C-alpha atoms as a PDB file:
ATOM      1  CA  MET A   1     -27.336  54.357   1.425  1.00  0.00           C
ATOM      2  CA  LYS A   2     -24.663  54.871   4.087  1.00  0.00           C
ATOM      3  CA  ILE A   3     -26.176  52.075   6.153  1.00  0.00           C
ATOM      4  CA  LEU A   4     -26.243  49.777   3.130  1.00  0.00           C
ATOM      5  CA  ASN A   5     -22.570  50.597   2.399  1.00  0.00           C
ATOM      6  CA  PHE A   6     -21.751  49.921   6.031  1.00  0.00           C
ATOM      7  CA  PHE A   7     -23.228  46.430   5.930  1.00  0.00           C
ATOM      8  CA  PHE A   8     -21.671  45.764   2.533  1.00  0.00           C
ATOM      9  CA  SER A   9     -18.287  46.713   3.979  1.00  0.00           C
ATOM     10  CA  ILE A  10     -18.804  44.414   6.945  1.00  0.00           C
ATOM     11  CA  ALA A  11     -19.771  41.547   4.632  1.00  0.00           C
ATOM     12  CA  LEU A  12     -16.709  42.156   2.437  1.00  0.00           C
ATOM     13  CA  ILE A  13     -14.406  42.184   5.446  1.00  0.00           C
ATOM     14  CA  SER A  14     -15.909  38.894   6.659  1.00  0.00           C
ATOM     15  CA  ILE A  15     -15.318  37.277   3.250  1.00  0.00           C
ATOM     16  CA  ILE A  16     -11.690  38.495   3.259  1.00  0.00           C
ATOM     17  CA  MET A  17     -11.218  37.150   6.796  1.00  0.00           C
ATOM     18  CA  VAL A  18     -12.635  33.743   5.870  1.00  0.00           C
ATOM     19  CA  ALA A  19     -10.389  33.627   2.785  1.00  0.00           C
ATOM     20  CA  CYS A  20      -7.401  34.468   4.937  1.00  0.00           C
ATOM     21  CA  GLU A  21      -8.363  31.815   7.409  1.00  0.00           C
ATOM     22  CA  LYS A  22      -8.513  29.177   4.584  1.00  0.00           C
ATOM     23  CA  ASN A  23      -4.979  30.093   3.570  1.00  0.00           C
ATOM     24  CA  SER A  24      -3.672  30.454   7.136  1.00  0.00           C
ATOM     25  CA  ASN A  25      -2.800  26.787   7.500  1.00  0.00           C
ATOM     26  CA  PRO A  26       0.097  26.170   5.074  1.00  0.00           C
ATOM     27  CA  LEU A  27       1.739  22.823   4.598  1.00  0.00           C
ATOM     28  CA  ASN A  28       4.233  22.293   7.423  1.00  0.00           C
ATOM     29  CA  THR A  29       6.722  19.746   8.750  1.00  0.00           C
ATOM     30  CA  ASP A  30       3.999  17.769  10.503  1.00  0.00           C
ATOM     31  CA  ASP A  31       2.081  17.452   7.242  1.00  0.00           C
ATOM     32  CA  ILE A  32       5.230  16.289   5.361  1.00  0.00           C
ATOM     33  CA  ASP A  33       6.077  13.746   8.052  1.00  0.00           C
ATOM     34  CA  LEU A  34       2.539  12.391   8.048  1.00  0.00           C
ATOM     35  CA  ALA A  35       2.548  12.101   4.234  1.00  0.00           C
ATOM     36  CA  ASP A  36       5.913  10.274   4.510  1.00  0.00           C
ATOM     37  CA  ASP A  37       4.503   7.883   7.079  1.00  0.00           C
ATOM     38  CA  ASP A  38       1.549   7.171   4.829  1.00  0.00           C
ATOM     39  CA  ALA A  39       3.610   6.717   1.673  1.00  0.00           C
ATOM     40  CA  VAL A  40       6.320   4.522   3.305  1.00  0.00           C
ATOM     41  CA  THR A  41       3.701   2.263   4.984  1.00  0.00           C
ATOM     42  CA  GLU A  42       1.760   1.972   1.741  1.00  0.00           C
ATOM     43  CA  ALA A  43       4.913   1.087  -0.197  1.00  0.00           C
ATOM     44  CA  ILE A  44       5.995  -1.622   2.258  1.00  0.00           C
ATOM     45  CA  PHE A  45       2.653  -3.394   2.439  1.00  0.00           C
ATOM     46  CA  ASP A  46       2.273  -2.983  -1.344  1.00  0.00           C
ATOM     47  CA  ASP A  47       5.629  -4.642  -1.827  1.00  0.00           C
ATOM     48  CA  ILE A  48       4.380  -7.545   0.293  1.00  0.00           C
ATOM     49  CA  PHE A  49       1.268  -7.831  -1.878  1.00  0.00           C
ATOM     50  CA  SER A  50       3.425  -8.011  -4.998  1.00  0.00           C
ATOM     51  CA  THR A  51       5.796 -10.589  -3.442  1.00  0.00           C
ATOM     52  CA  ALA A  52       2.952 -12.781  -2.208  1.00  0.00           C
ATOM     53  CA  ASP A  53       0.994 -12.586  -5.444  1.00  0.00           C
ATOM     54  CA  ASN A  54       4.080 -13.537  -7.491  1.00  0.00           C
ATOM     55  CA  ALA A  55       4.793 -16.506  -5.200  1.00  0.00           C
ATOM     56  CA  THR A  56       1.165 -17.661  -5.435  1.00  0.00           C
ATOM     57  CA  GLN A  57       1.383 -17.685  -9.254  1.00  0.00           C
ATOM     58  CA  ILE A  58       4.676 -19.596  -9.181  1.00  0.00           C
ATOM     59  CA  VAL A  59       3.203 -22.276  -6.904  1.00  0.00           C
ATOM     60  CA  GLU A  60       0.005 -22.616  -9.006  1.00  0.00           C
ATOM     61  CA  THR A  61       2.069 -22.966 -12.194  1.00  0.00           C
ATOM     62  CA  PHE A  62       4.049 -25.732 -10.477  1.00  0.00           C
ATOM     63  CA  MET A  63       0.721 -27.419  -9.437  1.00  0.00           C
ATOM     64  CA  MET A  64      -0.479 -27.406 -13.016  1.00  0.00           C
ATOM     65  CA  LYS A  65       2.671 -29.336 -14.076  1.00  0.00           C
ATOM     66  CA  ASN A  66       2.782 -31.560 -10.973  1.00  0.00           C
ATOM     67  CA  ALA A  67      -0.805 -32.492 -10.238  1.00  0.00           C
ATOM     68  CA  ASP A  68       0.135 -35.225  -7.772  1.00  0.00           C
ATOM     69  CA  ALA A  69       2.456 -33.053  -5.629  1.00  0.00           C
ATOM     70  CA  LYS A  70       1.894 -33.641  -1.879  1.00  0.00           C
ATOM     71  CA  GLY A  71       3.463 -32.808   1.427  1.00  0.00           C
ATOM     72  CA  ASN A  72       6.206 -30.171   1.694  1.00  0.00           C
ATOM     73  CA  VAL A  73       7.801 -29.119  -1.607  1.00  0.00           C
ATOM     74  CA  VAL A  74      10.495 -26.577  -2.223  1.00  0.00           C
ATOM     75  CA  ILE A  75       9.454 -24.606  -5.321  1.00  0.00           C
ATOM     76  CA  VAL A  76      12.265 -22.127  -5.588  1.00  0.00           C
ATOM     77  CA  ALA A  77      15.653 -23.014  -4.142  1.00  0.00           C
ATOM     78  CA  ASP A  78      19.265 -21.791  -4.362  1.00  0.00           C
ATOM     79  CA  SER A  79      18.070 -18.197  -4.514  1.00  0.00           C
ATOM     80  CA  CYS A  80      16.726 -15.565  -2.196  1.00  0.00           C
ATOM     81  CA  PRO A  81      14.019 -16.029  -1.276  1.00  0.00           C
ATOM     82  CA  THR A  82      13.326 -19.713  -1.035  1.00  0.00           C
ATOM     83  CA  VAL A  83       9.625 -20.547  -1.713  1.00  0.00           C
ATOM     84  CA  THR A  84       8.259 -23.669  -0.023  1.00  0.00           C
ATOM     85  CA  VAL A  85       4.706 -24.997  -0.156  1.00  0.00           C
ATOM     86  CA  GLU A  86       2.954 -27.351   2.225  1.00  0.00           C
ATOM     87  CA  PHE A  87       0.097 -29.138   0.465  1.00  0.00           C
ATOM     88  CA  ILE A  88      -2.790 -29.705   2.870  1.00  0.00           C
ATOM     89  CA  ASP A  89      -5.349 -30.812   0.273  1.00  0.00           C
ATOM     90  CA  GLU A  90      -6.336 -29.832  -3.291  1.00  0.00           C
ATOM     91  CA  ASP A  91      -7.565 -26.371  -2.347  1.00  0.00           C
ATOM     92  CA  HIS A  92      -5.561 -25.588   0.814  1.00  0.00           C
ATOM     93  CA  ARG A  93      -1.842 -24.975   1.091  1.00  0.00           C
ATOM     94  CA  ILE A  94       0.654 -22.904   3.043  1.00  0.00           C
ATOM     95  CA  LEU A  95       3.354 -20.972   1.203  1.00  0.00           C
ATOM     96  CA  THR A  96       6.497 -19.816   2.964  1.00  0.00           C
ATOM     97  CA  ILE A  97       8.591 -17.130   1.356  1.00  0.00           C
ATOM     98  CA  ASP A  98      11.892 -17.292   3.288  1.00  0.00           C
ATOM     99  CA  PHE A  99      14.490 -14.556   2.898  1.00  0.00           C
ATOM    100  CA  GLY A 100      16.755 -16.083   5.523  1.00  0.00           C
ATOM    101  CA  ASP A 101      19.019 -13.686   7.360  1.00  0.00           C
ATOM    102  CA  GLY A 102      18.543 -11.118   4.632  1.00  0.00           C
ATOM    103  CA  CYS A 103      19.306 -10.447   1.054  1.00  0.00           C
ATOM    104  CA  THR A 104      19.066  -7.548  -1.351  1.00  0.00           C
ATOM    105  CA  GLY A 105      16.577  -8.068  -4.145  1.00  0.00           C
ATOM    106  CA  LEU A 106      13.945  -6.168  -6.152  1.00  0.00           C
ATOM    107  CA  TRP A 107      14.405  -2.387  -6.197  1.00  0.00           C
ATOM    108  CA  ASP A 108      17.708  -2.916  -4.271  1.00  0.00           C
ATOM    109  CA  GLN A 109      15.776  -3.382  -1.049  1.00  0.00           C
ATOM    110  CA  THR A 110      16.872  -5.741   1.757  1.00  0.00           C
ATOM    111  CA  ARG A 111      14.356  -8.290   3.062  1.00  0.00           C
ATOM    112  CA  ALA A 112      14.813 -10.810   5.869  1.00  0.00           C
ATOM    113  CA  GLY A 113      12.627 -13.379   7.680  1.00  0.00           C
ATOM    114  CA  LYS A 114       9.511 -15.075   6.363  1.00  0.00           C
ATOM    115  CA  ILE A 115       6.211 -14.129   4.720  1.00  0.00           C
ATOM    116  CA  ILE A 116       3.674 -16.904   5.332  1.00  0.00           C
ATOM    117  CA  ILE A 117       0.630 -17.268   3.074  1.00  0.00           C
ATOM    118  CA  THR A 118      -2.267 -19.535   3.956  1.00  0.00           C
ATOM    119  CA  VAL A 119      -4.114 -20.201   0.678  1.00  0.00           C
ATOM    120  CA  ASP A 120      -7.765 -21.271   0.361  1.00  0.00           C
ATOM    121  CA  GLY A 121      -8.628 -21.972  -3.257  1.00  0.00           C
ATOM    122  CA  PHE A 122      -6.940 -20.996  -6.489  1.00  0.00           C
ATOM    123  CA  ARG A 123      -6.036 -17.371  -7.132  1.00  0.00           C
ATOM    124  CA  ARG A 124      -8.277 -17.064 -10.205  1.00  0.00           C
ATOM    125  CA  VAL A 125     -11.370 -18.538  -8.525  1.00  0.00           C
ATOM    126  CA  ALA A 126     -13.885 -16.051  -7.115  1.00  0.00           C
ATOM    127  CA  GLY A 127     -14.128 -16.450  -3.334  1.00  0.00           C
ATOM    128  CA  SER A 128     -10.577 -17.784  -2.919  1.00  0.00           C
ATOM    129  CA  THR A 129      -8.546 -16.133  -0.160  1.00  0.00           C
ATOM    130  CA  ARG A 130      -4.926 -15.609   0.881  1.00  0.00           C
ATOM    131  CA  THR A 131      -4.081 -14.804   4.501  1.00  0.00           C
ATOM    132  CA  ILE A 132      -0.626 -13.267   4.980  1.00  0.00           C
ATOM    133  CA  THR A 133       1.264 -13.307   8.235  1.00  0.00           C
ATOM    134  CA  PHE A 134       4.910 -12.715   9.165  1.00  0.00           C
ATOM    135  CA  ASP A 135       7.647 -14.526  11.055  1.00  0.00           C
ATOM    136  CA  GLU A 136      10.357 -12.045  12.023  1.00  0.00           C
ATOM    137  CA  TYR A 137       9.997 -10.352   8.640  1.00  0.00           C
ATOM    138  CA  TYR A 138      12.092  -7.211   8.074  1.00  0.00           C
ATOM    139  CA  PHE A 139      12.109  -4.781   5.184  1.00  0.00           C
ATOM    140  CA  ASN A 140      15.216  -2.529   5.170  1.00  0.00           C
ATOM    141  CA  GLY A 141      15.570  -3.233   8.866  1.00  0.00           C
ATOM    142  CA  ILE A 142      11.935  -2.332   9.561  1.00  0.00           C
ATOM    143  CA  LYS A 143      10.035  -5.116  11.333  1.00  0.00           C
ATOM    144  CA  VAL A 144       6.647  -5.831   9.782  1.00  0.00           C
ATOM    145  CA  GLU A 145       3.736  -7.305  11.667  1.00  0.00           C
ATOM    146  CA  GLY A 146      -0.032  -7.743  11.045  1.00  0.00           C
ATOM    147  CA  THR A 147      -2.508  -9.957   9.239  1.00  0.00           C
ATOM    148  CA  LYS A 148      -3.503  -9.273   5.673  1.00  0.00           C
ATOM    149  CA  VAL A 149      -6.435 -11.127   4.025  1.00  0.00           C
ATOM    150  CA  THR A 150      -6.889 -10.898   0.223  1.00  0.00           C
ATOM    151  CA  GLU A 151     -10.053 -12.273  -1.451  1.00  0.00           C
ATOM    152  CA  ASN A 152     -10.921 -12.726  -5.161  1.00  0.00           C
ATOM    153  CA  MET A 153     -14.244 -10.836  -5.438  1.00  0.00           C
ATOM    154  CA  GLY A 154     -14.874 -11.917  -9.066  1.00  0.00           C
ATOM    155  CA  GLU A 155     -15.432  -9.690 -12.098  1.00  0.00           C
ATOM    156  CA  ASN A 156     -16.980  -6.248 -12.100  1.00  0.00           C
ATOM    157  CA  ASP A 157     -19.277  -4.777 -14.748  1.00  0.00           C
ATOM    158  CA  PHE A 158     -16.210  -4.089 -16.951  1.00  0.00           C
ATOM    159  CA  GLY A 159     -15.068  -7.691 -16.839  1.00  0.00           C
ATOM    160  CA  ASN A 160     -12.095  -6.839 -14.614  1.00  0.00           C
ATOM    161  CA  VAL A 161     -11.290  -9.034 -11.623  1.00  0.00           C
ATOM    162  CA  ILE A 162     -11.426  -7.318  -8.189  1.00  0.00           C
ATOM    163  CA  PHE A 163      -9.283  -8.357  -5.205  1.00  0.00           C
ATOM    164  CA  SER A 164     -10.156  -6.953  -1.806  1.00  0.00           C
ATOM    165  CA  SER A 165      -7.467  -6.691   0.897  1.00  0.00           C
ATOM    166  CA  THR A 166      -7.899  -6.045   4.593  1.00  0.00           C
ATOM    167  CA  LEU A 167      -4.949  -5.315   6.903  1.00  0.00           C
ATOM    168  CA  ASN A 168      -5.472  -5.698  10.674  1.00  0.00           C
ATOM    169  CA  GLY A 169      -2.900  -4.983  13.343  1.00  0.00           C
ATOM    170  CA  GLY A 170      -0.336  -3.616  10.890  1.00  0.00           C
ATOM    171  CA  ILE A 171       2.775  -2.491  12.734  1.00  0.00           C
ATOM    172  CA  LEU A 172       6.118  -1.190  11.420  1.00  0.00           C
ATOM    173  CA  THR A 173       8.885  -1.023  14.045  1.00  0.00           C
ATOM    174  CA  PHE A 174      11.848   1.000  12.816  1.00  0.00           C
ATOM    175  CA  PRO A 175      15.492   0.255  13.817  1.00  0.00           C
ATOM    176  CA  ASP A 176      15.326   2.989  16.576  1.00  0.00           C
ATOM    177  CA  GLU A 177      12.209   1.249  18.039  1.00  0.00           C
ATOM    178  CA  VAL A 178       9.840   3.907  16.744  1.00  0.00           C
ATOM    179  CA  VAL A 179       6.467   2.353  15.865  1.00  0.00           C
ATOM    180  CA  VAL A 180       4.018   3.249  13.086  1.00  0.00           C
ATOM    181  CA  THR A 181       0.652   1.472  12.965  1.00  0.00           C
ATOM    182  CA  ARG A 182      -1.671   0.841  10.029  1.00  0.00           C
ATOM    183  CA  GLU A 183      -5.029  -0.752   9.139  1.00  0.00           C
ATOM    184  CA  PHE A 184      -6.719  -0.518   5.777  1.00  0.00           C
ATOM    185  CA  TYR A 185      -9.308  -1.807   3.373  1.00  0.00           C
ATOM    186  CA  ARG A 186      -8.261  -1.859  -0.324  1.00  0.00           C
ATOM    187  CA  GLU A 187      -9.853  -3.011  -3.583  1.00  0.00           C
ATOM    188  CA  ARG A 188      -7.656  -3.730  -6.600  1.00  0.00           C
ATOM    189  CA  GLU A 189      -9.235  -3.745 -10.025  1.00  0.00           C
ATOM    190  CA  TRP A 190      -6.906  -5.706 -12.338  1.00  0.00           C
ATOM    191  CA  VAL A 191      -6.873  -3.649 -15.599  1.00  0.00           C
ATOM    192  CA  ALA A 192      -3.924  -5.216 -17.409  1.00  0.00           C
ATOM    193  CA  GLY A 193      -1.853  -8.373 -17.295  1.00  0.00           C
ATOM    194  CA  TYR A 194      -4.191 -10.599 -15.377  1.00  0.00           C
ATOM    195  CA  ASP A 195      -4.461 -13.196 -18.152  1.00  0.00           C
ATOM    196  CA  THR A 196      -0.739 -13.248 -19.107  1.00  0.00           C
ATOM    197  CA  ARG A 197       2.139 -15.270 -17.747  1.00  0.00           C
ATOM    198  CA  ASN A 198       4.413 -12.186 -17.713  1.00  0.00           C
ATOM    199  CA  ILE A 199       3.952 -10.591 -14.282  1.00  0.00           C
ATOM    200  CA  TRP A 200       5.661  -7.364 -15.392  1.00  0.00           C
ATOM    201  CA  ASP A 201       2.721  -6.267 -17.458  1.00  0.00           C
ATOM    202  CA  ASP A 202       0.429  -6.305 -14.419  1.00  0.00           C
ATOM    203  CA  GLU A 203      -1.577  -3.095 -13.604  1.00  0.00           C
ATOM    204  CA  CYS A 204      -4.297  -2.370 -11.088  1.00  0.00           C
ATOM    205  CA  PHE A 205      -6.465   0.563  -9.968  1.00  0.00           C
ATOM    206  CA  VAL A 206      -6.517   0.681  -6.147  1.00  0.00           C
ATOM    207  CA  THR A 207      -9.293   2.274  -4.019  1.00  0.00           C
ATOM    208  CA  GLY A 208     -10.147   2.217  -0.299  1.00  0.00           C
ATOM    209  CA  TYR A 209      -9.285   3.822   3.014  1.00  0.00           C
ATOM    210  CA  ALA A 210      -6.833   3.451   5.910  1.00  0.00           C
ATOM    211  CA  SER A 211      -6.061   4.621   9.419  1.00  0.00           C
ATOM    212  CA  GLY A 212      -3.109   4.474  11.733  1.00  0.00           C
ATOM    213  CA  THR A 213      -0.702   6.392  13.926  1.00  0.00           C
ATOM    214  CA  THR A 214       2.469   8.200  12.831  1.00  0.00           C
ATOM    215  CA  TYR A 215       5.977   7.903  14.258  1.00  0.00           C
ATOM    216  CA  LYS A 216       4.972  10.811  16.537  1.00  0.00           C
ATOM    217  CA  GLY A 217       1.951   8.904  17.743  1.00  0.00           C
ATOM    218  CA  VAL A 218      -0.517  11.128  15.871  1.00  0.00           C
ATOM    219  CA  ALA A 219      -3.704   9.383  14.710  1.00  0.00           C
ATOM    220  CA  TYR A 220      -4.711   9.854  11.058  1.00  0.00           C
ATOM    221  CA  GLU A 221      -7.090   8.619   8.411  1.00  0.00           C
ATOM    222  CA  ASP A 222      -6.736   8.557   4.634  1.00  0.00           C
ATOM    223  CA  ASN A 223      -9.189   8.075   1.849  1.00  0.00           C
ATOM    224  CA  ILE A 224      -8.321   7.441  -1.844  1.00  0.00           C
ATOM    225  CA  LYS A 225     -10.064  10.199  -3.761  1.00  0.00           C
ATOM    226  CA  SER A 226      -8.732   9.179  -7.176  1.00  0.00           C
ATOM    227  CA  ALA A 227      -7.814   5.569  -7.806  1.00  0.00           C
ATOM    228  CA  LEU A 228      -4.136   4.779  -7.325  1.00  0.00           C
ATOM    229  CA  HIS A 229      -2.586   3.347 -10.506  1.00  0.00           C
ATOM    230  CA  TRP A 230      -0.271   0.456  -9.616  1.00  0.00           C
ATOM    231  CA  LYS A 231       2.184  -1.039 -12.127  1.00  0.00           C
ATOM    232  CA  ARG A 232       4.255  -3.965 -10.961  1.00  0.00           C
ATOM    233  CA  VAL A 233       7.092  -2.671 -13.059  1.00  0.00           C
ATOM    234  CA  CYS A 234       7.266   0.540 -11.047  1.00  0.00           C
ATOM    235  CA  ARG A 235       8.491   1.076  -7.505  1.00  0.00           C
ATOM    236  CA  PHE A 236       5.585   3.306  -6.464  1.00  0.00           C
ATOM    237  CA  PHE A 237       2.123   4.228  -7.630  1.00  0.00           C
ATOM    238  CA  VAL A 238       2.275   6.247 -10.827  1.00  0.00           C
ATOM    239  CA  SER A 239      -0.848   8.254 -10.289  1.00  0.00           C
ATOM    240  CA  GLY A 240      -3.838   8.775  -7.994  1.00  0.00           C
ATOM    241  CA  ILE A 241      -4.725  10.980  -5.062  1.00  0.00           C
ATOM    242  CA  ILE A 242      -5.108  10.242  -1.342  1.00  0.00           C
ATOM    243  CA  GLU A 243      -6.754  12.664   1.047  1.00  0.00           C
ATOM    244  CA  ILE A 244      -5.122  12.617   4.496  1.00  0.00           C
ATOM    245  CA  ASN A 245      -6.850  13.847   7.673  1.00  0.00           C
ATOM    246  CA  ARG A 246      -5.649  14.318  11.237  1.00  0.00           C
ATOM    247  CA  GLU A 247      -7.222  16.119  14.192  1.00  0.00           C
ATOM    248  CA  GLY A 248      -6.518  19.797  14.503  1.00  0.00           C
ATOM    249  CA  ALA A 249      -5.467  20.366  10.877  1.00  0.00           C
ATOM    250  CA  GLU A 250      -7.111  20.808   7.525  1.00  0.00           C
ATOM    251  CA  PRO A 251      -7.017  17.820   5.203  1.00  0.00           C
ATOM    252  CA  PHE A 252      -4.360  17.756   2.508  1.00  0.00           C
ATOM    253  CA  GLU A 253      -3.735  15.567  -0.594  1.00  0.00           C
ATOM    254  CA  LEU A 254      -0.949  13.245  -1.506  1.00  0.00           C
ATOM    255  CA  ASP A 255      -0.867  13.181  -5.325  1.00  0.00           C
ATOM    256  CA  TYR A 256       1.224  10.383  -6.912  1.00  0.00           C
ATOM    257  CA  GLY A 257       1.501  12.132 -10.252  1.00  0.00           C
ATOM    258  CA  ASP A 258       0.421  11.910 -13.836  1.00  0.00           C
ATOM    259  CA  GLY A 259       1.547   8.373 -14.805  1.00  0.00           C
ATOM    260  CA  GLU A 260       5.301   8.595 -14.778  1.00  0.00           C
ATOM    261  CA  CYS A 261       7.194   5.633 -13.289  1.00  0.00           C
ATOM    262  CA  ASP A 262       9.190   7.782 -10.835  1.00  0.00           C
ATOM    263  CA  ALA A 263       9.623   8.417  -7.139  1.00  0.00           C
ATOM    264  CA  LEU A 264       7.949  11.846  -6.982  1.00  0.00           C
ATOM    265  CA  ALA A 265       4.691  12.910  -5.377  1.00  0.00           C
ATOM    266  CA  THR A 266       3.045  16.233  -4.582  1.00  0.00           C
ATOM    267  CA  LEU A 267       1.421  17.394  -1.329  1.00  0.00           C
ATOM    268  CA  ARG A 268      -1.452  19.867  -1.816  1.00  0.00           C
ATOM    269  CA  ARG A 269      -3.588  21.962   0.477  1.00  0.00           C
ATOM    270  CA  GLY A 270      -5.636  24.666  -1.266  1.00  0.00           C
ATOM    271  CA  ASP A 271      -3.291  26.482  -3.720  1.00  0.00           C
ATOM    272  CA  GLU A 272      -0.118  25.430  -1.970  1.00  0.00           C
ATOM    273  CA  GLU A 273       1.956  22.486  -3.300  1.00  0.00           C
ATOM    274  CA  LYS A 274       5.157  20.783  -2.186  1.00  0.00           C
ATOM    275  CA  GLU A 275       6.976  18.032  -4.007  1.00  0.00           C
ATOM    276  CA  ILE A 276       8.392  15.099  -2.039  1.00  0.00           C
ATOM    277  CA  THR A 277      10.561  12.150  -2.904  1.00  0.00           C
ATOM    278  CA  LEU A 278       9.085   8.737  -2.213  1.00  0.00           C
ATOM    279  CA  ARG A 279      11.279   6.187  -0.413  1.00  0.00           C
ATOM    280  CA  PHE A 280      11.104   2.781   1.221  1.00  0.00           C
ATOM    281  CA  SER A 281      12.197   4.308   4.567  1.00  0.00           C
ATOM    282  CA  HIS A 282      11.039   7.343   6.566  1.00  0.00           C
ATOM    283  CA  ARG A 283      12.927  10.540   5.886  1.00  0.00           C
ATOM    284  CA  LYS A 284      13.184  11.176   9.676  1.00  0.00           C
ATOM    285  CA  ILE A 285      14.117   7.666  10.598  1.00  0.00           C
ATOM    286  CA  ARG A 286      17.334   6.400   9.040  1.00  0.00           C
END
């Protein structure tokens, strides 16, 4: 019996030690910085998606009313940005969204330079693509680079249209020359507003994964565990969970909340939680 109790005690101690080890890696500054990198990068490239998608719809509405339009046509003028389209043929065109030297617009953010969209097919047609590149484009003084390709994948089993997006060579260069990199694959399931003319009722569920390096040069990966709920009317995702991994540390979660249109998110590892404020700029890089 004493031998049995001895082994029972050893086993109990082992369990306690393992439990302590699981709780021995609390959320720290590196985790918060990494989450901030991830959230800021997501927000900037998501803003680009929204801008490009809106411009595409404006151009296609213009085309419906001006079927014979050819050459270079200014669609939106005397505002910031200016939207110009170069008609190549019926299915191919190049859109330029030009913010000039900079102006403050949606969400009181400052944008400068050009977003260039090469369009193959109409937005609503399955198989159509949009390739987004940048010409000295800056968001709040952050230079944005990379190539983003979006494709209409058609309807899923629920009758909702899916758009896939791939980002290659994504780079954000902050005003102090610090660089953050990003690549991702995303799928957007359009769950509201797709068939209306009012863009502000648009909603999507976003899934996928990403990788990159932080402003400290640390490599990381993220995976969307619970679909991110995007509403065009809100600055940031209103719900959804991303799991973030980096070498030498336990994974943690970035939780965008329970549906409120706010700028709050929660970091979580095990039983520990920490609330952060989402921004369009890094908290350590101002």
